[in-house]
Every structure is written in structure tokens, then in C-alpha cells.
Amino acid sequence: MLLALFMLTIVEIVKTVRERRQLSKQRLLSLFSITTLFLLTMFDWNVSRWIEQADRAIFNAKRQEVVEQIKSGQLKPASKGYFRLPYSFPCLSSGGNLVWITRSENNQYVTVRFDTKNMFSSYSANIQLVYTNDPEVAANLEGLTELYPVNNWKVRSNWYRTYSNY
């Protein structure tokens, strides 16, 4: 794919140089479009990060609202594990708005995992946004961020970004 877009970009540059005396809007638009597609494909990791950052910025308040409702008991999953969010929430997690909820034995601590797919990676590679107020889980996530800091980091207090399963 990258090679094909590279070749198309070269062809469009050559055509633009040949027609430089009478350039049409169509030629410039074509050159811009193909060059943009080539660059976005070439630097896919950066594009994926930008999409991920935009997703976090846009849905931050709603994800926090979900966590607060789970902590207060307004959203009650039947058991530990996946829970489908009500339709009143936008799509905050992949797989039909499923979130993974784990509570401590005494219900004092909660961990909520939002799964999001990486746009340019394989289907099995998940980016997970994890909220936890459980010190044990937080210590595990901190260890993961120290081991693999390129793909895992602390977003803010009690929130972590992990790549694949932790």
C-alpha cells in the first residue's frame, strides 16, 4: 500500500511539474490528496496517537461519568466482567460499548477498563484506557508503565493507558 501511494505521489509530482505553466485546480487537488494519503500512511503511528488523543479529550467527561456511576452503584453489572453501557452514553468502548468492571472483595475498590481498537494495527491489538482506585492494580499498572513506557503510561490520577492485555 505504501509503495503504491509512493508511486502515485511521484507520478502526480511529475505531472504537476510538466503542467506547471497551466496548472488546474484538479491537478493540485489530486497532488495534495495523494501526497496527504501517502504521508498519513507512512507515519501511521503518529496518526494513530493523534486519533487516540482526540478520543481521550472528547470523551474524557463521559468516561469519568461512567466511572462515578459505577462507583456510586447507579450502574450495576450483574457480576464481575463485561458490562454493556446503556444507550444514553456515546460509544466509549469498542465491542458494542462493553466495559470490563472488577471490584475488590469488600467493594471498596473498582477497576474499569475501556477497550479501544488501534486504527492501524491488527484487530487483536487493543489500546485500553483503565481507571482504578485499587492500590494493587495501580501498582501492577505502574510496573507495566516502567517496563514498557513507549506503549503504556499514566494519563492522569487513577487513569492508565495500556497497549494489549496487561
C-alpha atoms as a PDB file:
ATOM      1  CA  MET A   1       0.000   0.000   0.000  1.00  0.00           C
ATOM      2  CA  LEU A   2       2.750   2.393   0.974  1.00  0.00           C
ATOM      3  CA  LEU A   3       4.702   1.610  -2.189  1.00  0.00           C
ATOM      4  CA  ALA A   4       1.639   2.177  -4.369  1.00  0.00           C
ATOM      5  CA  LEU A   5       0.934   5.539  -2.730  1.00  0.00           C
ATOM      6  CA  PHE A   6       4.591   6.483  -3.090  1.00  0.00           C
ATOM      7  CA  MET A   7       4.478   5.688  -6.807  1.00  0.00           C
ATOM      8  CA  LEU A   8       1.247   7.650  -7.245  1.00  0.00           C
ATOM      9  CA  THR A   9       2.798  10.606  -5.428  1.00  0.00           C
ATOM     10  CA  ILE A  10       5.825  10.548  -7.746  1.00  0.00           C
ATOM     11  CA  VAL A  11       3.553  10.341 -10.811  1.00  0.00           C
ATOM     12  CA  GLU A  12       1.473  13.283  -9.580  1.00  0.00           C
ATOM     13  CA  ILE A  13       4.603  15.369  -8.878  1.00  0.00           C
ATOM     14  CA  VAL A  14       5.923  14.658 -12.375  1.00  0.00           C
ATOM     15  CA  LYS A  15       2.559  15.578 -13.957  1.00  0.00           C
ATOM     16  CA  THR A  16       2.406  18.767 -11.892  1.00  0.00           C
ATOM     17  CA  VAL A  17       5.911  19.791 -12.976  1.00  0.00           C
ATOM     18  CA  ARG A  18       5.056  19.092 -16.644  1.00  0.00           C
ATOM     19  CA  GLU A  19       1.867  21.148 -16.434  1.00  0.00           C
ATOM     20  CA  ARG A  20       3.354  23.920 -14.300  1.00  0.00           C
ATOM     21  CA  ARG A  21       2.518  26.634 -16.873  1.00  0.00           C
ATOM     22  CA  GLN A  22      -1.210  25.750 -16.936  1.00  0.00           C
ATOM     23  CA  LEU A  23      -1.965  24.115 -13.599  1.00  0.00           C
ATOM     24  CA  SER A  24      -5.577  23.230 -12.961  1.00  0.00           C
ATOM     25  CA  LYS A  25      -7.285  23.067  -9.608  1.00  0.00           C
ATOM     26  CA  GLN A  26      -7.934  19.387 -10.259  1.00  0.00           C
ATOM     27  CA  ARG A  27      -4.208  18.646 -10.651  1.00  0.00           C
ATOM     28  CA  LEU A  28      -3.319  20.496  -7.418  1.00  0.00           C
ATOM     29  CA  LEU A  29      -6.155  18.812  -5.535  1.00  0.00           C
ATOM     30  CA  SER A  30      -5.046  15.413  -6.822  1.00  0.00           C
ATOM     31  CA  LEU A  31      -1.423  16.066  -5.823  1.00  0.00           C
ATOM     32  CA  PHE A  32      -2.469  17.277  -2.373  1.00  0.00           C
ATOM     33  CA  SER A  33      -4.812  14.315  -1.772  1.00  0.00           C
ATOM     34  CA  ILE A  34      -2.402  11.594  -2.839  1.00  0.00           C
ATOM     35  CA  THR A  35       0.549  13.181  -1.000  1.00  0.00           C
ATOM     36  CA  THR A  36      -1.557  13.505   2.156  1.00  0.00           C
ATOM     37  CA  LEU A  37      -2.649   9.851   1.960  1.00  0.00           C
ATOM     38  CA  PHE A  38       0.962   8.791   1.431  1.00  0.00           C
ATOM     39  CA  LEU A  39       2.207  10.787   4.431  1.00  0.00           C
ATOM     40  CA  LEU A  40      -0.613   9.615   6.699  1.00  0.00           C
ATOM     41  CA  THR A  41       0.101   6.017   5.732  1.00  0.00           C
ATOM     42  CA  MET A  42       3.842   6.427   6.129  1.00  0.00           C
ATOM     43  CA  PHE A  43       3.550   7.972   9.591  1.00  0.00           C
ATOM     44  CA  ASP A  44       0.655   5.802  10.786  1.00  0.00           C
ATOM     45  CA  TRP A  45       1.907   5.553  14.387  1.00  0.00           C
ATOM     46  CA  ASN A  46       1.677   9.335  14.789  1.00  0.00           C
ATOM     47  CA  VAL A  47      -1.771   9.432  13.201  1.00  0.00           C
ATOM     48  CA  SER A  48      -2.967   6.652  15.492  1.00  0.00           C
ATOM     49  CA  ARG A  49      -1.695   8.603  18.511  1.00  0.00           C
ATOM     50  CA  TRP A  50      -3.481  11.766  17.341  1.00  0.00           C
ATOM     51  CA  ILE A  51      -6.737   9.876  16.941  1.00  0.00           C
ATOM     52  CA  GLU A  52      -6.280   8.323  20.381  1.00  0.00           C
ATOM     53  CA  GLN A  53      -5.550  11.704  21.996  1.00  0.00           C
ATOM     54  CA  ALA A  54      -8.592  13.259  20.336  1.00  0.00           C
ATOM     55  CA  ASP A  55     -10.743  10.350  21.558  1.00  0.00           C
ATOM     56  CA  ARG A  56      -9.496  10.825  25.122  1.00  0.00           C
ATOM     57  CA  ALA A  57     -10.076  14.581  25.018  1.00  0.00           C
ATOM     58  CA  ILE A  58     -13.577  14.311  23.549  1.00  0.00           C
ATOM     59  CA  PHE A  59     -14.884  11.502  25.772  1.00  0.00           C
ATOM     60  CA  ASN A  60     -12.995  12.257  28.996  1.00  0.00           C
ATOM     61  CA  ALA A  61     -16.012  13.673  30.850  1.00  0.00           C
ATOM     62  CA  LYS A  62     -18.332  10.838  29.768  1.00  0.00           C
ATOM     63  CA  ARG A  63     -15.848   8.145  30.798  1.00  0.00           C
ATOM     64  CA  GLN A  64     -15.432   9.861  34.162  1.00  0.00           C
ATOM     65  CA  GLU A  65     -19.236   9.960  34.499  1.00  0.00           C
ATOM     66  CA  VAL A  66     -19.428   6.197  33.821  1.00  0.00           C
ATOM     67  CA  VAL A  67     -16.792   5.537  36.490  1.00  0.00           C
ATOM     68  CA  GLU A  68     -18.608   7.716  39.032  1.00  0.00           C
ATOM     69  CA  GLN A  69     -21.922   5.962  38.335  1.00  0.00           C
ATOM     70  CA  ILE A  70     -20.293   2.561  38.726  1.00  0.00           C
ATOM     71  CA  LYS A  71     -18.653   3.618  41.993  1.00  0.00           C
ATOM     72  CA  SER A  72     -21.914   5.040  43.353  1.00  0.00           C
ATOM     73  CA  GLY A  73     -23.912   1.961  42.315  1.00  0.00           C
ATOM     74  CA  GLN A  74     -26.141   3.658  39.714  1.00  0.00           C
ATOM     75  CA  LEU A  75     -24.713   1.334  37.054  1.00  0.00           C
ATOM     76  CA  LYS A  76     -24.798  -2.196  38.426  1.00  0.00           C
ATOM     77  CA  PRO A  77     -23.277  -5.027  36.424  1.00  0.00           C
ATOM     78  CA  ALA A  78     -24.756  -8.461  37.086  1.00  0.00           C
ATOM     79  CA  SER A  79     -21.338  -9.822  38.043  1.00  0.00           C
ATOM     80  CA  LYS A  80     -17.656  -9.200  37.592  1.00  0.00           C
ATOM     81  CA  GLY A  81     -16.704  -8.889  33.996  1.00  0.00           C
ATOM     82  CA  TYR A  82     -18.068  -7.205  30.933  1.00  0.00           C
ATOM     83  CA  PHE A  83     -20.921  -4.779  31.245  1.00  0.00           C
ATOM     84  CA  ARG A  84     -22.742  -3.139  28.336  1.00  0.00           C
ATOM     85  CA  LEU A  85     -23.230   0.572  28.893  1.00  0.00           C
ATOM     86  CA  PRO A  86     -26.745   1.962  28.398  1.00  0.00           C
ATOM     87  CA  TYR A  87     -27.603   3.666  25.121  1.00  0.00           C
ATOM     88  CA  SER A  88     -27.640   7.055  26.867  1.00  0.00           C
ATOM     89  CA  PHE A  89     -23.826   7.010  26.658  1.00  0.00           C
ATOM     90  CA  PRO A  90     -21.942   7.565  23.408  1.00  0.00           C
ATOM     91  CA  CYS A  91     -19.656   4.805  22.164  1.00  0.00           C
ATOM     92  CA  LEU A  92     -16.942   4.975  24.827  1.00  0.00           C
ATOM     93  CA  SER A  93     -15.552   1.481  24.350  1.00  0.00           C
ATOM     94  CA  SER A  94     -15.148  -0.951  21.476  1.00  0.00           C
ATOM     95  CA  GLY A  95     -17.232  -4.062  21.083  1.00  0.00           C
ATOM     96  CA  GLY A  96     -20.671  -2.524  21.483  1.00  0.00           C
ATOM     97  CA  ASN A  97     -19.830  -0.212  24.368  1.00  0.00           C
ATOM     98  CA  LEU A  98     -18.645  -3.018  26.642  1.00  0.00           C
ATOM     99  CA  VAL A  99     -16.539  -2.130  29.670  1.00  0.00           C
ATOM    100  CA  TRP A 100     -14.731  -4.570  31.940  1.00  0.00           C
ATOM    101  CA  ILE A 101     -15.516  -3.960  35.606  1.00  0.00           C
ATOM    102  CA  THR A 102     -13.691  -5.550  38.519  1.00  0.00           C
ATOM    103  CA  ARG A 103     -14.470  -4.802  42.160  1.00  0.00           C
ATOM    104  CA  SER A 104     -12.470  -5.705  45.228  1.00  0.00           C
ATOM    105  CA  GLU A 105     -13.915  -8.280  47.620  1.00  0.00           C
ATOM    106  CA  ASN A 106     -15.232  -5.632  50.000  1.00  0.00           C
ATOM    107  CA  ASN A 107     -16.461  -3.375  47.125  1.00  0.00           C
ATOM    108  CA  GLN A 108     -14.121  -0.640  48.309  1.00  0.00           C
ATOM    109  CA  TYR A 109     -12.103  -0.514  45.088  1.00  0.00           C
ATOM    110  CA  VAL A 110     -13.157  -0.621  41.447  1.00  0.00           C
ATOM    111  CA  THR A 111     -11.299  -1.061  38.165  1.00  0.00           C
ATOM    112  CA  VAL A 112     -12.997  -0.095  34.899  1.00  0.00           C
ATOM    113  CA  ARG A 113     -11.373  -0.896  31.561  1.00  0.00           C
ATOM    114  CA  PHE A 114     -12.452   0.798  28.320  1.00  0.00           C
ATOM    115  CA  ASP A 115     -11.207  -1.026  25.214  1.00  0.00           C
ATOM    116  CA  THR A 116     -10.423   0.903  22.069  1.00  0.00           C
ATOM    117  CA  LYS A 117      -9.010  -0.581  18.890  1.00  0.00           C
ATOM    118  CA  ASN A 118      -5.818   0.712  17.382  1.00  0.00           C
ATOM    119  CA  MET A 119      -6.787   2.118  13.976  1.00  0.00           C
ATOM    120  CA  PHE A 120      -3.673   0.973  12.128  1.00  0.00           C
ATOM    121  CA  SER A 121      -2.740  -2.220  13.916  1.00  0.00           C
ATOM    122  CA  SER A 122      -4.101  -5.726  13.940  1.00  0.00           C
ATOM    123  CA  TYR A 123      -7.564  -6.333  15.349  1.00  0.00           C
ATOM    124  CA  SER A 124      -6.189  -8.154  18.368  1.00  0.00           C
ATOM    125  CA  ALA A 125      -4.033  -5.222  19.469  1.00  0.00           C
ATOM    126  CA  ASN A 126      -6.106  -3.275  21.961  1.00  0.00           C
ATOM    127  CA  ILE A 127      -5.472   0.084  23.472  1.00  0.00           C
ATOM    128  CA  GLN A 128      -7.108   0.127  26.859  1.00  0.00           C
ATOM    129  CA  LEU A 129      -7.954   3.106  28.987  1.00  0.00           C
ATOM    130  CA  VAL A 130      -8.059   1.842  32.561  1.00  0.00           C
ATOM    131  CA  TYR A 131      -9.436   3.563  35.644  1.00  0.00           C
ATOM    132  CA  THR A 132      -8.566   2.090  39.018  1.00  0.00           C
ATOM    133  CA  ASN A 133      -8.615   3.222  42.614  1.00  0.00           C
ATOM    134  CA  ASP A 134      -7.317  -0.179  43.724  1.00  0.00           C
ATOM    135  CA  PRO A 135      -3.732   0.236  45.011  1.00  0.00           C
ATOM    136  CA  GLU A 136      -2.784  -3.323  44.000  1.00  0.00           C
ATOM    137  CA  VAL A 137      -3.975  -2.909  40.409  1.00  0.00           C
ATOM    138  CA  ALA A 138      -2.422   0.559  40.268  1.00  0.00           C
ATOM    139  CA  ALA A 139       0.923  -0.906  41.377  1.00  0.00           C
ATOM    140  CA  ASN A 140       0.688  -3.521  38.592  1.00  0.00           C
ATOM    141  CA  LEU A 141      -0.085  -0.818  36.042  1.00  0.00           C
ATOM    142  CA  GLU A 142       2.757   1.361  37.341  1.00  0.00           C
ATOM    143  CA  GLY A 143       5.088  -1.618  36.897  1.00  0.00           C
ATOM    144  CA  LEU A 144       3.821  -2.080  33.365  1.00  0.00           C
ATOM    145  CA  THR A 145       4.443   1.594  32.565  1.00  0.00           C
ATOM    146  CA  GLU A 146       8.007   1.242  33.850  1.00  0.00           C
ATOM    147  CA  LEU A 147       8.657  -1.929  31.835  1.00  0.00           C
ATOM    148  CA  TYR A 148       7.125  -0.695  28.558  1.00  0.00           C
ATOM    149  CA  PRO A 149       6.919   3.120  28.718  1.00  0.00           C
ATOM    150  CA  VAL A 150       6.537   3.539  24.948  1.00  0.00           C
ATOM    151  CA  ASN A 151       3.146   1.801  24.874  1.00  0.00           C
ATOM    152  CA  ASN A 152       1.909   2.256  28.443  1.00  0.00           C
ATOM    153  CA  TRP A 153       1.683   5.356  30.595  1.00  0.00           C
ATOM    154  CA  LYS A 154      -0.275   7.101  33.300  1.00  0.00           C
ATOM    155  CA  VAL A 155      -2.731   9.520  31.731  1.00  0.00           C
ATOM    156  CA  ARG A 156      -3.718  11.297  34.954  1.00  0.00           C
ATOM    157  CA  SER A 157      -4.581  10.380  38.521  1.00  0.00           C
ATOM    158  CA  ASN A 158      -6.016   6.821  38.603  1.00  0.00           C
ATOM    159  CA  TRP A 159      -6.128   6.590  34.769  1.00  0.00           C
ATOM    160  CA  TYR A 160      -3.716   4.498  32.707  1.00  0.00           C
ATOM    161  CA  ARG A 161      -3.276   3.822  29.016  1.00  0.00           C
ATOM    162  CA  THR A 162      -2.133   0.281  28.191  1.00  0.00           C
ATOM    163  CA  TYR A 163      -1.430  -1.470  24.917  1.00  0.00           C
ATOM    164  CA  SER A 164      -2.811  -5.032  24.619  1.00  0.00           C
ATOM    165  CA  ASN A 165      -3.660  -7.002  27.716  1.00  0.00           C
ATOM    166  CA  TYR A 166      -1.965  -6.163  30.962  1.00  0.00           C
END
